Amino acid sequence: MDVNRVWENFLHKEDDRYFSILYDGFVEPLYSYGLYLGFNEDQCKDAIQDLFCKLYFSKKRLSHITHITAYLYRAYKNRLLDMYRQSSRYESLDNVRDVFSIKATVLEDLMDKEEALYLEAKMNTLLNNLTAKQRMVIYMRYMQQLSYAEIGEALEINPDSCKKMVYRAIDKLRSLTKKSKTPE
């Protein structure tokens, strides 16, 4: 899906098909992102519905948005946090981010079940050695395939800081992998 083209068509054409394409393309990744942030299924579904209703009814005011994917992730995260605050169980954003974790399941289709489970356990062990923020940028960069600018916008940090954070996380993963291969 060419997100930019669909976004432009959504903004400028009176055809609900483009809204449906946007929704279908982002509902699952946003839902997963909400769960990774530690919110329950109902909160995630409600926030997605609120976000897309707001998009639909305010599309005339959204033409200035250049990084659509980052905008949707950021707006979704903010909506989830607003809902959480309204429920009077406010927790700091850092604590919510600590709940974030990445499950490594990419290899299940390529290898038999036993080997895939072994590799998944090893990857999760390695990822758990990263900070919550490092896991989040790795997830957004490699699982969601966002650019550094989009990640920076979504997480409200400088794109150069994103690059540095991804580099350091990968460097740490390499180092941990080398350590686990050396006999003791």
Protein backbone atom coordinates (compact mmCIF):
# COMPACT_ATOMS: atom_id res chain seq x y z
CA MET A 1 0.00 0.00 0.00
CA ASP A 2 1.37 3.40 -0.97
CA VAL A 3 0.34 5.24 2.18
CA ASN A 4 1.08 8.70 0.80
CA ARG A 5 -1.06 8.16 -2.30
CA VAL A 6 -3.95 6.69 -0.29
CA TRP A 7 -3.69 9.59 2.19
CA GLU A 8 -3.82 12.19 -0.59
CA ASN A 9 -6.82 10.48 -2.17
CA PHE A 10 -8.54 10.25 1.22
CA LEU A 11 -8.02 13.97 1.81
CA HIS A 12 -9.00 15.23 -1.62
CA LYS A 13 -11.53 12.79 -3.06
CA GLU A 14 -15.05 12.15 -1.88
CA ASP A 15 -14.59 8.38 -1.99
CA ASP A 16 -14.85 6.43 1.27
CA ARG A 17 -12.89 3.59 -0.32
CA TYR A 18 -9.61 5.38 0.56
CA PHE A 19 -10.69 5.73 4.17
CA SER A 20 -11.37 1.98 4.23
CA ILE A 21 -7.95 1.25 2.73
CA LEU A 22 -6.28 3.40 5.42
CA TYR A 23 -8.30 1.73 8.15
CA ASP A 24 -7.62 -1.79 6.88
CA GLY A 25 -3.91 -1.05 6.48
CA PHE A 26 -3.43 0.33 9.98
CA VAL A 27 -5.98 -1.31 12.26
CA GLU A 28 -3.91 -4.42 13.03
CA PRO A 29 -0.51 -2.72 13.50
CA LEU A 30 -2.09 -0.03 15.70
CA TYR A 31 -3.98 -2.63 17.71
CA SER A 32 -0.75 -4.61 18.26
CA TYR A 33 1.09 -1.42 19.20
CA GLY A 34 -1.56 -0.61 21.81
CA LEU A 35 -1.29 -4.10 23.29
CA TYR A 36 2.52 -3.78 23.37
CA LEU A 37 2.13 -0.53 25.27
CA GLY A 38 0.19 -2.44 27.92
CA PHE A 39 -3.39 -1.46 27.20
CA ASN A 40 -6.20 -4.01 27.15
CA GLU A 41 -8.06 -5.13 24.04
CA ASP A 42 -11.14 -2.97 24.65
CA GLN A 43 -9.07 0.17 25.20
CA CYS A 44 -7.13 -0.51 22.00
CA LYS A 45 -10.30 -1.06 19.96
CA ASP A 46 -11.97 2.05 21.39
CA ALA A 47 -8.92 4.20 20.71
CA ILE A 48 -8.71 2.97 17.11
CA GLN A 49 -12.38 3.75 16.58
CA ASP A 50 -11.95 7.22 18.10
CA LEU A 51 -8.85 7.90 16.01
CA PHE A 52 -10.43 6.93 12.71
CA CYS A 53 -13.69 8.76 13.49
CA LYS A 54 -11.66 11.88 14.20
CA LEU A 55 -9.72 11.39 10.96
CA TYR A 56 -12.88 10.97 8.94
CA PHE A 57 -14.62 14.05 10.30
CA SER A 58 -11.60 16.35 10.37
CA LYS A 59 -9.84 15.37 7.14
CA LYS A 60 -10.09 18.92 5.74
CA ARG A 61 -7.72 20.09 8.51
CA LEU A 62 -5.13 17.33 8.03
CA SER A 63 -3.50 18.28 4.73
CA HIS A 64 -0.36 19.54 6.52
CA ILE A 65 0.60 16.04 7.72
CA THR A 66 3.61 14.66 5.86
CA HIS A 67 4.52 11.50 7.81
CA ILE A 68 1.19 9.71 7.86
CA THR A 69 2.30 6.51 9.56
CA ALA A 70 4.10 8.37 12.33
CA TYR A 71 1.12 10.69 12.74
CA LEU A 72 -1.27 7.74 13.15
CA TYR A 73 0.97 6.00 15.70
CA ARG A 74 1.44 9.19 17.69
CA ALA A 75 -2.25 10.15 17.57
CA TYR A 76 -3.19 6.61 18.59
CA LYS A 77 -0.74 6.56 21.49
CA ASN A 78 -1.98 9.96 22.64
CA ARG A 79 -5.62 8.80 22.44
CA LEU A 80 -4.79 5.71 24.51
CA LEU A 81 -3.04 7.84 27.11
CA ASP A 82 -5.95 10.30 27.20
CA MET A 83 -8.36 7.43 27.78
CA TYR A 84 -6.09 6.05 30.48
CA ARG A 85 -5.89 9.41 32.24
CA GLN A 86 -9.66 9.76 32.08
CA SER A 87 -10.06 6.43 33.83
CA SER A 88 -8.18 8.04 36.79
CA ARG A 89 -5.56 5.31 36.88
CA TYR A 90 -2.83 7.51 35.41
CA GLU A 91 0.62 6.03 35.26
CA SER A 92 3.68 7.82 33.92
CA LEU A 93 4.52 7.27 30.25
CA ASP A 94 7.85 5.68 31.18
CA ASN A 95 6.05 2.97 33.17
CA VAL A 96 3.66 2.32 30.29
CA ARG A 97 6.58 2.05 27.87
CA ASP A 98 8.31 -0.50 30.13
CA VAL A 99 5.51 -2.95 29.39
CA PHE A 100 6.47 -2.91 25.70
CA SER A 101 8.05 -6.13 24.48
CA ILE A 102 8.75 -7.70 21.13
CA LYS A 103 7.99 -11.30 20.28
CA ALA A 104 10.27 -12.81 17.68
CA THR A 105 8.12 -15.12 15.57
CA VAL A 106 9.40 -14.46 12.06
CA LEU A 107 11.22 -17.76 11.68
CA GLU A 108 8.27 -20.08 12.40
CA ASP A 109 7.36 -20.33 8.71
CA LEU A 110 10.92 -21.20 7.68
CA MET A 111 11.93 -23.85 10.20
CA ASP A 112 10.38 -26.73 12.06
CA LYS A 113 8.54 -26.04 15.30
CA GLU A 114 11.30 -27.06 17.69
CA GLU A 115 14.01 -24.94 16.10
CA ALA A 116 11.64 -21.99 15.77
CA LEU A 117 10.77 -22.16 19.46
CA TYR A 118 14.45 -22.30 20.39
CA LEU A 119 15.26 -19.28 18.24
CA GLU A 120 12.25 -17.36 19.55
CA ALA A 121 13.32 -17.96 23.14
CA LYS A 122 16.88 -16.90 22.34
CA MET A 123 15.69 -13.73 20.54
CA ASN A 124 13.35 -12.80 23.39
CA THR A 125 16.20 -13.29 25.85
CA LEU A 126 18.41 -11.00 23.77
CA LEU A 127 15.66 -8.38 23.34
CA ASN A 128 14.95 -8.40 27.07
CA ASN A 129 18.51 -7.13 27.58
CA LEU A 130 17.54 -3.93 25.73
CA THR A 131 15.78 -1.00 27.34
CA ALA A 132 12.07 -0.55 26.67
CA LYS A 133 12.82 2.39 24.39
CA GLN A 134 15.41 0.40 22.43
CA ARG A 135 12.91 -2.44 21.96
CA MET A 136 10.33 0.07 20.78
CA VAL A 137 12.59 1.66 18.14
CA ILE A 138 13.71 -1.79 16.93
CA TYR A 139 10.05 -2.82 16.64
CA MET A 140 9.08 0.33 14.77
CA ARG A 141 12.11 0.27 12.47
CA TYR A 142 12.23 -3.41 11.56
CA MET A 143 8.75 -4.79 12.24
CA GLN A 144 6.72 -1.75 11.15
CA GLN A 145 9.39 -0.56 8.67
CA LEU A 146 9.10 3.10 9.68
CA SER A 147 11.74 5.65 8.72
CA TYR A 148 13.85 7.32 11.38
CA ALA A 149 11.89 10.55 10.82
CA GLU A 150 8.59 8.72 11.37
CA ILE A 151 9.88 7.00 14.49
CA GLY A 152 11.20 10.29 15.82
CA GLU A 153 7.87 11.97 15.20
CA ALA A 154 5.92 9.12 16.79
CA LEU A 155 8.13 9.01 19.90
CA GLU A 156 8.74 12.75 20.01
CA ILE A 157 12.51 12.43 19.71
CA ASN A 158 15.06 13.63 17.18
CA PRO A 159 15.53 11.36 14.10
CA ASP A 160 19.29 11.38 14.70
CA SER A 161 18.65 10.13 18.23
CA CYS A 162 16.53 7.34 16.71
CA LYS A 163 19.40 6.31 14.43
CA LYS A 164 21.81 6.32 17.35
CA MET A 165 19.39 4.35 19.52
CA VAL A 166 18.85 1.71 16.80
CA TYR A 167 22.61 1.47 16.17
CA ARG A 168 23.34 1.03 19.89
CA ALA A 169 20.58 -1.55 20.28
CA ILE A 170 21.87 -3.58 17.31
CA ASP A 171 25.43 -3.24 18.57
CA LYS A 172 24.32 -4.52 21.98
CA LEU A 173 22.46 -7.43 20.36
CA ARG A 174 25.58 -8.33 18.34
CA SER A 175 27.72 -8.18 21.45
CA LEU A 176 25.30 -10.38 23.40
CA THR A 177 25.12 -12.84 20.51
CA LYS A 178 28.93 -13.11 20.36
CA LYS A 179 29.08 -13.64 24.14
CA SER A 180 26.50 -16.42 23.96
CA LYS A 181 28.53 -18.20 21.24
CA THR A 182 31.83 -18.22 23.14
CA PRO A 183 32.39 -21.30 25.36
CA GLU A 184 32.70 -20.62 29.05
